[in-house]
């Protein structure tokens, strides 16, 4: 069974983990068509005054896009970006899904590494 929400856990040694009692910390919003099925696979980035989360939102089992949310503490109170999704499938090798966002800050811009999917053939790009 694949995950359908995002949880939080902590570890003092990177081996033994304690799950947060109030998991999941972020779930799909059935009223947002683009993520109505589930949300998964996030990257959380600490900024000066908040945390930014990039995540995968699934419209259905085959169609995935990337969204963004922010939180004051990086655990609770996630607020979705009003213009989600921020990255959508295109017309070529990424025609059915974009997955697994990883953002890299680069001066005044962000670079994204994403995995894209066409007919279940995963490929990664920048």
Protein backbone atom coordinates (compact mmCIF):
# COMPACT_ATOMS: atom_id res chain seq x y z
CA UNK A 1 0.00 0.00 0.00
CA UNK A 2 1.38 3.39 -0.99
CA UNK A 3 1.22 6.40 1.35
CA UNK A 4 -1.58 8.93 0.97
CA UNK A 5 -0.58 11.57 3.54
CA UNK A 6 2.56 13.12 5.06
CA UNK A 7 3.76 12.38 8.58
CA UNK A 8 6.47 13.65 10.90
CA UNK A 9 9.07 11.79 12.99
CA UNK A 10 12.20 12.73 14.94
CA UNK A 11 15.42 10.93 15.83
CA UNK A 12 18.42 11.71 18.02
CA UNK A 13 20.68 9.26 16.21
CA UNK A 14 19.19 8.78 12.72
CA UNK A 15 18.47 5.13 13.51
CA UNK A 16 15.71 5.12 16.13
CA UNK A 17 12.68 7.21 15.18
CA UNK A 18 9.66 8.47 17.10
CA UNK A 19 6.53 9.25 15.10
CA UNK A 20 4.61 12.42 15.93
CA UNK A 21 1.43 11.61 17.89
CA UNK A 22 -0.73 13.83 15.67
CA UNK A 23 0.26 12.29 12.32
CA UNK A 24 -0.54 12.85 9.57
CA UNK A 25 0.60 16.47 9.59
CA UNK A 26 -0.57 17.08 6.00
CA UNK A 27 -3.34 15.32 4.08
CA UNK A 28 -4.98 15.73 0.69
CA UNK A 29 -7.73 18.29 0.25
CA UNK A 30 -10.66 16.64 -1.52
CA UNK A 31 -11.94 20.08 -2.60
CA UNK A 32 -8.75 20.72 -4.61
CA UNK A 33 -9.22 18.65 -7.75
CA UNK A 34 -5.49 18.53 -8.49
CA UNK A 35 -4.72 16.76 -5.15
CA UNK A 36 -8.07 15.12 -4.45
CA UNK A 37 -6.71 11.54 -4.33
CA UNK A 38 -3.64 11.90 -2.06
CA UNK A 39 -0.48 13.82 -1.17
CA UNK A 40 2.98 12.27 -0.69
CA UNK A 41 6.76 12.67 -0.89
CA UNK A 42 7.66 16.07 0.45
CA UNK A 43 10.75 18.20 0.89
CA UNK A 44 10.67 20.70 3.77
CA UNK A 45 13.00 23.72 3.65
CA UNK A 46 13.66 26.02 6.63
CA UNK A 47 13.54 29.69 5.70
CA UNK A 48 14.08 32.80 7.86
CA UNK A 49 10.57 33.01 9.32
CA UNK A 50 8.83 29.80 8.24
CA UNK A 51 9.15 26.42 6.57
CA UNK A 52 8.37 25.69 2.93
CA UNK A 53 7.10 22.28 1.87
CA UNK A 54 7.09 20.96 -1.69
CA UNK A 55 4.88 17.92 -2.15
CA UNK A 56 3.22 15.67 -4.72
CA UNK A 57 -0.52 16.00 -5.18
CA UNK A 58 -2.40 13.28 -7.04
CA UNK A 59 -5.58 14.00 -8.99
CA UNK A 60 -5.88 10.24 -9.49
CA UNK A 61 -3.56 7.25 -9.40
CA UNK A 62 -1.86 8.26 -12.69
CA UNK A 63 -1.83 12.08 -12.68
CA UNK A 64 0.51 13.87 -10.25
CA UNK A 65 1.63 17.48 -9.87
CA UNK A 66 3.80 19.44 -7.44
CA UNK A 67 2.39 21.81 -4.86
CA UNK A 68 3.74 24.09 -2.17
CA UNK A 69 2.69 24.92 1.41
CA UNK A 70 4.16 26.81 4.35
CA UNK A 71 4.15 26.44 8.13
CA UNK A 72 5.46 28.53 11.02
CA UNK A 73 6.96 25.51 12.84
CA UNK A 74 7.48 23.02 9.98
CA UNK A 75 5.11 20.50 11.56
CA UNK A 76 1.63 21.93 12.00
CA UNK A 77 -0.61 24.60 10.50
CA UNK A 78 0.38 24.05 6.87
CA UNK A 79 -1.09 26.67 4.50
CA UNK A 80 -1.33 25.73 0.83
CA UNK A 81 -0.08 28.17 -1.82
CA UNK A 82 -3.19 29.63 -3.47
CA UNK A 83 -1.84 29.08 -7.01
CA UNK A 84 -1.06 25.36 -6.62
CA UNK A 85 0.00 23.27 -8.42
CA UNK A 86 3.31 25.02 -9.10
CA UNK A 87 4.65 22.37 -11.53
CA UNK A 88 2.36 20.43 -13.87
CA UNK A 89 2.95 17.69 -16.41
CA UNK A 90 3.81 18.92 -19.89
CA UNK A 91 3.35 17.60 -23.41
CA UNK A 92 6.50 15.48 -23.81
CA UNK A 93 8.35 13.07 -21.57
CA UNK A 94 6.45 14.44 -18.56
CA UNK A 95 2.95 14.09 -19.99
CA UNK A 96 1.26 12.21 -17.15
CA UNK A 97 3.02 13.07 -13.90
CA UNK A 98 5.72 15.07 -12.12
CA UNK A 99 7.06 13.52 -8.91
CA UNK A 100 9.51 13.76 -6.05
CA UNK A 101 10.35 17.46 -5.96
CA UNK A 102 13.76 18.53 -4.73
CA UNK A 103 14.50 22.27 -4.67
CA UNK A 104 17.94 23.84 -4.62
CA UNK A 105 18.25 27.58 -3.82
CA UNK A 106 20.51 29.36 -6.32
CA UNK A 107 21.01 33.06 -5.50
CA UNK A 108 17.70 34.76 -6.42
CA UNK A 109 16.03 31.68 -7.93
CA UNK A 110 15.21 28.05 -7.23
CA UNK A 111 16.24 25.06 -9.32
CA UNK A 112 14.08 21.93 -9.17
CA UNK A 113 15.04 18.33 -9.72
CA UNK A 114 11.89 16.38 -10.51
CA UNK A 115 11.01 12.92 -11.68
CA UNK A 116 8.57 12.87 -14.55
CA UNK A 117 6.53 10.04 -15.94
CA UNK A 118 5.12 9.09 -19.30
CA UNK A 119 3.53 5.66 -19.58
CA UNK A 120 5.12 4.54 -16.29
CA UNK A 121 8.70 5.17 -17.50
CA UNK A 122 10.26 7.32 -14.77
CA UNK A 123 12.84 9.92 -15.84
CA UNK A 124 14.48 12.73 -13.86
CA UNK A 125 15.23 16.25 -15.01
CA UNK A 126 16.24 19.69 -13.88
